[in-house]
PDB file of N, CA and C in Angstrom:
ATOM      1  N   MET A   1      -7.341  44.233 -41.301  1.00  0.00           N
ATOM      2  CA  MET A   1      -7.009  42.835 -41.322  1.00  0.00           C
ATOM      3  C   MET A   1      -8.269  42.016 -41.509  1.00  0.00           C
ATOM      4  N   ASP A   2      -8.629  41.907 -42.671  1.00  0.00           N
ATOM      5  CA  ASP A   2      -9.809  41.135 -43.002  1.00  0.00           C
ATOM      6  C   ASP A   2      -9.364  39.732 -43.409  1.00  0.00           C
ATOM      7  N   GLU A   3      -9.614  38.785 -42.542  1.00  0.00           N
ATOM      8  CA  GLU A   3      -9.196  37.413 -42.854  1.00  0.00           C
ATOM      9  C   GLU A   3     -10.415  36.594 -43.236  1.00  0.00           C
ATOM     10  N   ASP A   4     -10.304  35.832 -44.286  1.00  0.00           N
ATOM     11  CA  ASP A   4     -11.401  34.975 -44.715  1.00  0.00           C
ATOM     12  C   ASP A   4     -11.129  33.559 -44.240  1.00  0.00           C
ATOM     13  N   TYR A   5     -12.028  33.075 -43.441  1.00  0.00           N
ATOM     14  CA  TYR A   5     -11.888  31.713 -42.951  1.00  0.00           C
ATOM     15  C   TYR A   5     -12.729  30.793 -43.817  1.00  0.00           C
ATOM     16  N   GLU A   6     -12.170  29.644 -44.087  1.00  0.00           N
ATOM     17  CA  GLU A   6     -12.876  28.678 -44.926  1.00  0.00           C
ATOM     18  C   GLU A   6     -14.012  27.996 -44.147  1.00  0.00           C
ATOM     19  N   PHE A   7     -13.825  27.855 -42.817  1.00  0.00           N
ATOM     20  CA  PHE A   7     -14.785  27.130 -41.995  1.00  0.00           C
ATOM     21  C   PHE A   7     -15.519  28.100 -41.071  1.00  0.00           C
ATOM     22  N   VAL A   8     -16.272  29.005 -41.619  1.00  0.00           N
ATOM     23  CA  VAL A   8     -16.959  29.990 -40.805  1.00  0.00           C
ATOM     24  C   VAL A   8     -18.173  29.376 -40.129  1.00  0.00           C
ATOM     25  N   ASP A   9     -18.964  28.612 -40.850  1.00  0.00           N
ATOM     26  CA  ASP A   9     -20.208  28.085 -40.310  1.00  0.00           C
ATOM     27  C   ASP A   9     -20.078  26.681 -39.725  1.00  0.00           C
ATOM     28  N   ARG A  10     -18.947  26.028 -39.901  1.00  0.00           N
ATOM     29  CA  ARG A  10     -18.780  24.676 -39.347  1.00  0.00           C
ATOM     30  C   ARG A  10     -17.340  24.502 -38.874  1.00  0.00           C
ATOM     31  N   SER A  11     -17.117  23.478 -38.097  1.00  0.00           N
ATOM     32  CA  SER A  11     -15.783  23.261 -37.552  1.00  0.00           C
ATOM     33  C   SER A  11     -14.881  22.583 -38.574  1.00  0.00           C
ATOM     34  N   PRO A  12     -13.566  22.687 -38.423  1.00  0.00           N
ATOM     35  CA  PRO A  12     -12.640  22.062 -39.369  1.00  0.00           C
ATOM     36  C   PRO A  12     -12.819  20.543 -39.398  1.00  0.00           C
ATOM     37  N   PRO A  13     -12.408  19.907 -40.473  1.00  0.00           N
ATOM     38  CA  PRO A  13     -12.618  18.458 -40.612  1.00  0.00           C
ATOM     39  C   PRO A  13     -11.950  17.643 -39.502  1.00  0.00           C
ATOM     40  N   SER A  14     -10.822  18.098 -39.016  1.00  0.00           N
ATOM     41  CA  SER A  14     -10.159  17.320 -37.962  1.00  0.00           C
ATOM     42  C   SER A  14     -11.020  17.247 -36.709  1.00  0.00           C
ATOM     43  N   PHE A  15     -11.721  18.345 -36.389  1.00  0.00           N
ATOM     44  CA  PHE A  15     -12.581  18.339 -35.220  1.00  0.00           C
ATOM     45  C   PHE A  15     -13.862  17.553 -35.461  1.00  0.00           C
ATOM     46  N   GLU A  16     -14.327  17.510 -36.695  1.00  0.00           N
ATOM     47  CA  GLU A  16     -15.532  16.735 -36.998  1.00  0.00           C
ATOM     48  C   GLU A  16     -15.282  15.247 -36.737  1.00  0.00           C
ATOM     49  N   ARG A  17     -14.076  14.773 -37.081  1.00  0.00           N
ATOM     50  CA  ARG A  17     -13.756  13.365 -36.837  1.00  0.00           C
ATOM     51  C   ARG A  17     -13.728  13.064 -35.333  1.00  0.00           C
ATOM     52  N   VAL A  18     -13.214  13.996 -34.550  1.00  0.00           N
ATOM     53  CA  VAL A  18     -13.164  13.804 -33.106  1.00  0.00           C
ATOM     54  C   VAL A  18     -14.565  13.727 -32.538  1.00  0.00           C
ATOM     55  N   ASN A  19     -15.449  14.583 -32.995  1.00  0.00           N
ATOM     56  CA  ASN A  19     -16.830  14.560 -32.515  1.00  0.00           C
ATOM     57  C   ASN A  19     -17.503  13.238 -32.863  1.00  0.00           C
ATOM     58  N   ASP A  20     -17.233  12.699 -34.072  1.00  0.00           N
ATOM     59  CA  ASP A  20     -17.806  11.411 -34.444  1.00  0.00           C
ATOM     60  C   ASP A  20     -17.288  10.303 -33.538  1.00  0.00           C
ATOM     61  N   VAL A  21     -15.998  10.346 -33.216  1.00  0.00           N
ATOM     62  CA  VAL A  21     -15.414   9.319 -32.338  1.00  0.00           C
ATOM     63  C   VAL A  21     -16.049   9.393 -30.960  1.00  0.00           C
ATOM     64  N   ILE A  22     -16.247  10.602 -30.474  1.00  0.00           N
ATOM     65  CA  ILE A  22     -16.847  10.756 -29.149  1.00  0.00           C
ATOM     66  C   ILE A  22     -18.292  10.261 -29.161  1.00  0.00           C
ATOM     67  N   LYS A  23     -19.023  10.545 -30.209  1.00  0.00           N
ATOM     68  CA  LYS A  23     -20.415  10.112 -30.289  1.00  0.00           C
ATOM     69  C   LYS A  23     -20.529   8.600 -30.438  1.00  0.00           C
ATOM     70  N   VAL A  24     -19.600   7.972 -31.163  1.00  0.00           N
ATOM     71  CA  VAL A  24     -19.674   6.541 -31.422  1.00  0.00           C
ATOM     72  C   VAL A  24     -19.231   5.733 -30.199  1.00  0.00           C
ATOM     73  N   ALA A  25     -18.364   6.290 -29.372  1.00  0.00           N
ATOM     74  CA  ALA A  25     -17.809   5.555 -28.236  1.00  0.00           C
ATOM     75  C   ALA A  25     -18.896   5.332 -27.184  1.00  0.00           C
ATOM     76  N   ASP A  26     -19.499   4.153 -27.185  1.00  0.00           N
ATOM     77  CA  ASP A  26     -20.484   3.774 -26.187  1.00  0.00           C
ATOM     78  C   ASP A  26     -19.795   2.902 -25.139  1.00  0.00           C
ATOM     79  N   PRO A  27     -20.206   3.020 -23.896  1.00  0.00           N
ATOM     80  CA  PRO A  27     -19.604   2.147 -22.880  1.00  0.00           C
ATOM     81  C   PRO A  27     -19.944   0.685 -23.175  1.00  0.00           C
ATOM     82  N   LYS A  28     -18.912  -0.144 -23.247  1.00  0.00           N
ATOM     83  CA  LYS A  28     -19.110  -1.561 -23.586  1.00  0.00           C
ATOM     84  C   LYS A  28     -18.681  -2.463 -22.438  1.00  0.00           C
ATOM     85  N   GLY A  29     -18.842  -2.044 -21.208  1.00  0.00           N
ATOM     86  CA  GLY A  29     -18.440  -2.854 -20.064  1.00  0.00           C
ATOM     87  C   GLY A  29     -17.320  -2.167 -19.302  1.00  0.00           C
ATOM     88  N   PHE A  30     -16.646  -2.977 -18.492  1.00  0.00           N
ATOM     89  CA  PHE A  30     -15.566  -2.436 -17.674  1.00  0.00           C
ATOM     90  C   PHE A  30     -14.305  -2.234 -18.494  1.00  0.00           C
ATOM     91  N   ASN A  31     -13.566  -1.240 -18.121  1.00  0.00           N
ATOM     92  CA  ASN A  31     -12.268  -0.976 -18.718  1.00  0.00           C
ATOM     93  C   ASN A  31     -11.293  -2.061 -18.234  1.00  0.00           C
ATOM     94  N   PRO A  32     -10.500  -2.670 -19.102  1.00  0.00           N
ATOM     95  CA  PRO A  32      -9.556  -3.705 -18.658  1.00  0.00           C
ATOM     96  C   PRO A  32      -8.576  -3.203 -17.603  1.00  0.00           C
ATOM     97  N   GLY A  33      -8.180  -1.944 -17.696  1.00  0.00           N
ATOM     98  CA  GLY A  33      -7.295  -1.369 -16.677  1.00  0.00           C
ATOM     99  C   GLY A  33      -7.969  -1.334 -15.322  1.00  0.00           C
ATOM    100  N   LEU A  34      -9.263  -1.040 -15.319  1.00  0.00           N
ATOM    101  CA  LEU A  34     -10.017  -1.008 -14.068  1.00  0.00           C
ATOM    102  C   LEU A  34     -10.113  -2.404 -13.462  1.00  0.00           C
ATOM    103  N   ILE A  35     -10.294  -3.410 -14.280  1.00  0.00           N
ATOM    104  CA  ILE A  35     -10.376  -4.786 -13.791  1.00  0.00           C
ATOM    105  C   ILE A  35      -9.055  -5.189 -13.149  1.00  0.00           C
ATOM    106  N   VAL A  36      -7.933  -4.865 -13.802  1.00  0.00           N
ATOM    107  CA  VAL A  36      -6.621  -5.208 -13.238  1.00  0.00           C
ATOM    108  C   VAL A  36      -6.399  -4.455 -11.931  1.00  0.00           C
ATOM    109  N   LEU A  37      -6.768  -3.188 -11.895  1.00  0.00           N
ATOM    110  CA  LEU A  37      -6.604  -2.401 -10.680  1.00  0.00           C
ATOM    111  C   LEU A  37      -7.426  -2.979  -9.529  1.00  0.00           C
ATOM    112  N   LEU A  38      -8.668  -3.322  -9.803  1.00  0.00           N
ATOM    113  CA  LEU A  38      -9.521  -3.913  -8.770  1.00  0.00           C
ATOM    114  C   LEU A  38      -8.967  -5.255  -8.296  1.00  0.00           C
ATOM    115  N   LEU A  39      -8.442  -6.050  -9.215  1.00  0.00           N
ATOM    116  CA  LEU A  39      -7.863  -7.336  -8.855  1.00  0.00           C
ATOM    117  C   LEU A  39      -6.644  -7.162  -7.951  1.00  0.00           C
ATOM    118  N   VAL A  40      -5.756  -6.243  -8.298  1.00  0.00           N
ATOM    119  CA  VAL A  40      -4.553  -6.012  -7.490  1.00  0.00           C
ATOM    120  C   VAL A  40      -4.919  -5.465  -6.116  1.00  0.00           C
ATOM    121  N   VAL A  41      -5.833  -4.517  -6.062  1.00  0.00           N
ATOM    122  CA  VAL A  41      -6.253  -3.947  -4.780  1.00  0.00           C
ATOM    123  C   VAL A  41      -6.943  -5.017  -3.935  1.00  0.00           C
ATOM    124  N   GLY A  42      -7.756  -5.856  -4.559  1.00  0.00           N
ATOM    125  CA  GLY A  42      -8.419  -6.932  -3.822  1.00  0.00           C
ATOM    126  C   GLY A  42      -7.429  -7.927  -3.246  1.00  0.00           C
ATOM    127  N   LEU A  43      -6.445  -8.322  -4.038  1.00  0.00           N
ATOM    128  CA  LEU A  43      -5.427  -9.256  -3.537  1.00  0.00           C
ATOM    129  C   LEU A  43      -4.612  -8.639  -2.408  1.00  0.00           C
ATOM    130  N   LEU A  44      -4.269  -7.375  -2.540  1.00  0.00           N
ATOM    131  CA  LEU A  44      -3.521  -6.690  -1.484  1.00  0.00           C
ATOM    132  C   LEU A  44      -4.347  -6.615  -0.198  1.00  0.00           C
ATOM    133  N   LEU A  45      -5.618  -6.326  -0.333  1.00  0.00           N
ATOM    134  CA  LEU A  45      -6.496  -6.249   0.832  1.00  0.00           C
ATOM    135  C   LEU A  45      -6.622  -7.613   1.510  1.00  0.00           C
ATOM    136  N   ILE A  46      -6.784  -8.673   0.718  1.00  0.00           N
ATOM    137  CA  ILE A  46      -6.858 -10.030   1.277  1.00  0.00           C
ATOM    138  C   ILE A  46      -5.560 -10.373   2.003  1.00  0.00           C
ATOM    139  N   PHE A  47      -4.420 -10.015   1.405  1.00  0.00           N
ATOM    140  CA  PHE A  47      -3.126 -10.280   2.028  1.00  0.00           C
ATOM    141  C   PHE A  47      -3.000  -9.579   3.379  1.00  0.00           C
ATOM    142  N   LEU A  48      -3.372  -8.301   3.435  1.00  0.00           N
ATOM    143  CA  LEU A  48      -3.241  -7.547   4.679  1.00  0.00           C
ATOM    144  C   LEU A  48      -4.194  -8.061   5.761  1.00  0.00           C
ATOM    145  N   VAL A  49      -5.419  -8.365   5.382  1.00  0.00           N
ATOM    146  CA  VAL A  49      -6.390  -8.877   6.361  1.00  0.00           C
ATOM    147  C   VAL A  49      -5.943 -10.248   6.867  1.00  0.00           C
ATOM    148  N   GLY A  50      -5.425 -11.095   5.967  1.00  0.00           N
ATOM    149  CA  GLY A  50      -4.929 -12.405   6.379  1.00  0.00           C
ATOM    150  C   GLY A  50      -3.749 -12.297   7.326  1.00  0.00           C
ATOM    151  N   ASN A  51      -2.840 -11.385   7.040  1.00  0.00           N
ATOM    152  CA  ASN A  51      -1.697 -11.191   7.944  1.00  0.00           C
ATOM    153  C   ASN A  51      -2.151 -10.729   9.319  1.00  0.00           C
ATOM    154  N   TYR A  52      -3.102  -9.826   9.360  1.00  0.00           N
ATOM    155  CA  TYR A  52      -3.602  -9.353  10.650  1.00  0.00           C
ATOM    156  C   TYR A  52      -4.277 -10.475  11.417  1.00  0.00           C
ATOM    157  N   ALA A  53      -5.052 -11.308  10.714  1.00  0.00           N
ATOM    158  CA  ALA A  53      -5.731 -12.425  11.373  1.00  0.00           C
ATOM    159  C   ALA A  53      -4.709 -13.412  11.940  1.00  0.00           C
ATOM    160  N   LEU A  54      -3.677 -13.723  11.170  1.00  0.00           N
ATOM    161  CA  LEU A  54      -2.634 -14.629  11.675  1.00  0.00           C
ATOM    162  C   LEU A  54      -1.896 -14.022  12.860  1.00  0.00           C
ATOM    163  N   TYR A  55      -1.623 -12.733  12.807  1.00  0.00           N
ATOM    164  CA  TYR A  55      -0.937 -12.055  13.913  1.00  0.00           C
ATOM    165  C   TYR A  55      -1.788 -12.115  15.186  1.00  0.00           C
ATOM    166  N   ALA A  56      -3.072 -11.819  15.055  1.00  0.00           N
ATOM    167  CA  ALA A  56      -3.963 -11.844  16.223  1.00  0.00           C
ATOM    168  C   ALA A  56      -4.057 -13.266  16.791  1.00  0.00           C
ATOM    169  N   TYR A  57      -4.156 -14.257  15.917  1.00  0.00           N
ATOM    170  CA  TYR A  57      -4.220 -15.650  16.367  1.00  0.00           C
ATOM    171  C   TYR A  57      -2.929 -16.045  17.085  1.00  0.00           C
ATOM    172  N   ALA A  58      -1.786 -15.638  16.547  1.00  0.00           N
ATOM    173  CA  ALA A  58      -0.504 -15.984  17.160  1.00  0.00           C
ATOM    174  C   ALA A  58      -0.355 -15.309  18.519  1.00  0.00           C
ATOM    175  N   GLN A  59      -0.837 -14.104  18.649  1.00  0.00           N
ATOM    176  CA  GLN A  59      -0.730 -13.412  19.931  1.00  0.00           C
ATOM    177  C   GLN A  59      -1.540 -14.124  21.012  1.00  0.00           C
ATOM    178  N   LYS A  60      -2.657 -14.711  20.613  1.00  0.00           N
ATOM    179  CA  LYS A  60      -3.507 -15.388  21.596  1.00  0.00           C
ATOM    180  C   LYS A  60      -2.971 -16.769  21.962  1.00  0.00           C
ATOM    181  N   THR A  61      -2.428 -17.487  21.009  1.00  0.00           N
ATOM    182  CA  THR A  61      -2.122 -18.894  21.243  1.00  0.00           C
ATOM    183  C   THR A  61      -0.668 -19.179  21.595  1.00  0.00           C
ATOM    184  N   LEU A  62       0.271 -18.414  21.082  1.00  0.00           N
ATOM    185  CA  LEU A  62       1.675 -18.715  21.339  1.00  0.00           C
ATOM    186  C   LEU A  62       2.087 -18.248  22.731  1.00  0.00           C
ATOM    187  N   PRO A  63       2.945 -19.013  23.412  1.00  0.00           N
ATOM    188  CA  PRO A  63       3.427 -18.565  24.724  1.00  0.00           C
ATOM    189  C   PRO A  63       4.393 -17.393  24.548  1.00  0.00           C
ATOM    190  N   PRO A  64       4.578 -16.592  25.593  1.00  0.00           N
ATOM    191  CA  PRO A  64       5.507 -15.468  25.459  1.00  0.00           C
ATOM    192  C   PRO A  64       6.936 -15.962  25.256  1.00  0.00           C
ATOM    193  N   ARG A  65       7.726 -15.160  24.583  1.00  0.00           N
ATOM    194  CA  ARG A  65       9.105 -15.543  24.296  1.00  0.00           C
ATOM    195  C   ARG A  65       9.936 -15.532  25.576  1.00  0.00           C
ATOM    196  N   LYS A  66      10.849 -16.467  25.668  1.00  0.00           N
ATOM    197  CA  LYS A  66      11.747 -16.502  26.815  1.00  0.00           C
ATOM    198  C   LYS A  66      12.877 -15.508  26.591  1.00  0.00           C
ATOM    199  N   LYS A  67      13.240 -14.828  27.669  1.00  0.00           N
ATOM    200  CA  LYS A  67      14.344 -13.889  27.574  1.00  0.00           C
ATOM    201  C   LYS A  67      15.655 -14.657  27.657  1.00  0.00           C
ATOM    202  N   LYS A  68      16.672 -14.107  27.019  1.00  0.00           N
ATOM    203  CA  LYS A  68      17.989 -14.731  27.100  1.00  0.00           C
ATOM    204  C   LYS A  68      18.508 -14.619  28.529  1.00  0.00           C
ATOM    205  N   PRO A  69      19.166 -15.653  29.022  1.00  0.00           N
ATOM    206  CA  PRO A  69      19.738 -15.541  30.369  1.00  0.00           C
ATOM    207  C   PRO A  69      20.897 -14.536  30.368  1.00  0.00           C
ATOM    208  N   VAL A  70      20.933 -13.734  31.414  1.00  0.00           N
ATOM    209  CA  VAL A  70      21.977 -12.736  31.530  1.00  0.00           C
ATOM    210  C   VAL A  70      23.189 -13.407  32.172  1.00  0.00           C
ATOM    211  N   SER A  71      24.354 -13.173  31.605  1.00  0.00           N
ATOM    212  CA  SER A  71      25.564 -13.803  32.134  1.00  0.00           C
ATOM    213  C   SER A  71      25.907 -13.224  33.512  1.00  0.00           C
ATOM    214  N   LYS A  72      26.619 -14.008  34.291  1.00  0.00           N
ATOM    215  CA  LYS A  72      27.003 -13.572  35.641  1.00  0.00           C
ATOM    216  C   LYS A  72      27.894 -12.343  35.581  1.00  0.00           C
ATOM    217  N   LYS A  73      28.715 -12.272  34.560  1.00  0.00           N
ATOM    218  CA  LYS A  73      29.614 -11.136  34.414  1.00  0.00           C
ATOM    219  C   LYS A  73      28.818  -9.840  34.208  1.00  0.00           C
ATOM    220  N   LYS A  74      27.786  -9.908  33.369  1.00  0.00           N
ATOM    221  CA  LYS A  74      26.955  -8.728  33.118  1.00  0.00           C
ATOM    222  C   LYS A  74      26.159  -8.350  34.363  1.00  0.00           C
ATOM    223  N   MET A  75      25.674  -9.339  35.091  1.00  0.00           N
ATOM    224  CA  MET A  75      24.939  -9.050  36.320  1.00  0.00           C
ATOM    225  C   MET A  75      25.843  -8.330  37.319  1.00  0.00           C
ATOM    226  N   LYS A  76      27.068  -8.785  37.418  1.00  0.00           N
ATOM    227  CA  LYS A  76      28.029  -8.186  38.351  1.00  0.00           C
ATOM    228  C   LYS A  76      28.298  -6.732  37.972  1.00  0.00           C
ATOM    229  N   LYS A  77      28.490  -6.469  36.679  1.00  0.00           N
ATOM    230  CA  LYS A  77      28.737  -5.105  36.219  1.00  0.00           C
ATOM    231  C   LYS A  77      27.536  -4.206  36.505  1.00  0.00           C
ATOM    232  N   GLU A  78      26.342  -4.712  36.280  1.00  0.00           N
ATOM    233  CA  GLU A  78      25.128  -3.931  36.510  1.00  0.00           C
ATOM    234  C   GLU A  78      24.968  -3.595  37.987  1.00  0.00           C
ATOM    235  N   ARG A  79      25.256  -4.530  38.842  1.00  0.00           N
ATOM    236  CA  ARG A  79      25.145  -4.271  40.289  1.00  0.00           C
ATOM    237  C   ARG A  79      26.159  -3.221  40.723  1.00  0.00           C
ATOM    238  N   LEU A  80      27.367  -3.284  40.167  1.00  0.00           N
ATOM    239  CA  LEU A  80      28.386  -2.289  40.520  1.00  0.00           C
ATOM    240  C   LEU A  80      27.964  -0.902  40.048  1.00  0.00           C
ATOM    241  N   ARG A  81      27.319  -0.820  38.906  1.00  0.00           N
ATOM    242  CA  ARG A  81      26.836   0.476  38.410  1.00  0.00           C
ATOM    243  C   ARG A  81      25.783   1.050  39.342  1.00  0.00           C
ATOM    244  N   GLN A  82      24.925   0.183  39.868  1.00  0.00           N
ATOM    245  CA  GLN A  82      23.835   0.658  40.738  1.00  0.00           C
ATOM    246  C   GLN A  82      24.343   0.960  42.157  1.00  0.00           C
ATOM    247  N   GLY A  83      25.542   0.566  42.441  1.00  0.00           N
ATOM    248  CA  GLY A  83      26.102   0.869  43.765  1.00  0.00           C
ATOM    249  C   GLY A  83      25.943  -0.264  44.760  1.00  0.00           C
ATOM    250  N   VAL A  84      25.406  -1.366  44.341  1.00  0.00           N
ATOM    251  CA  VAL A  84      25.246  -2.524  45.240  1.00  0.00           C
ATOM    252  C   VAL A  84      26.461  -3.416  45.042  1.00  0.00           C
ATOM    253  N   SER A  85      27.083  -3.763  46.120  1.00  0.00           N
ATOM    254  CA  SER A  85      28.273  -4.612  45.993  1.00  0.00           C
ATOM    255  C   SER A  85      27.856  -6.024  45.636  1.00  0.00           C
ATOM    256  N   ALA A  86      28.666  -6.649  44.798  1.00  0.00           N
ATOM    257  CA  ALA A  86      28.373  -8.006  44.387  1.00  0.00           C
ATOM    258  C   ALA A  86      28.597  -8.947  45.556  1.00  0.00           C
ATOM    259  N   PRO A  87      27.774  -9.985  45.680  1.00  0.00           N
ATOM    260  CA  PRO A  87      27.961 -10.907  46.833  1.00  0.00           C
ATOM    261  C   PRO A  87      29.313 -11.619  46.723  1.00  0.00           C
ATOM    262  N   GLY A  88      29.950 -11.781  47.866  1.00  0.00           N
ATOM    263  CA  GLY A  88      31.243 -12.461  47.909  1.00  0.00           C
ATOM    264  C   GLY A  88      32.402 -11.516  47.744  1.00  0.00           C
ATOM    265  N   GLU A  89      32.137 -10.236  47.732  1.00  0.00           N
ATOM    266  CA  GLU A  89      33.247  -9.277  47.603  1.00  0.00           C
ATOM    267  C   GLU A  89      33.290  -8.356  48.777  1.00  0.00           C
TER     268      GLU A  89
END
C-alpha cells in the first residue's frame, strides 16, 4: 500500500489558513462577552451587598414585631390540653 500524498513536506491549504488566522489574531482589548459578564456579576454583587446592609440596618432600628393576640377560646383549649382547668369551671 504505497500511497502518494500531495502534501508531504507541508500542511494542507486549509490548515495553512488556520495558522495564518491564529498568527494574525492579536489581543485588541477586552472581549465584549467578558465586559457583559463582569457588568452582570458586579450588579448582582451590589444588589446582594445592598440587601444585606438594609437587612442589618432594619434589624437594629425596627422594633420587634407584635405577636397576634391569642383568642380566649384557644387559650381555654390549650389549658385543657395541659391538664390545667380553665378558671371559672
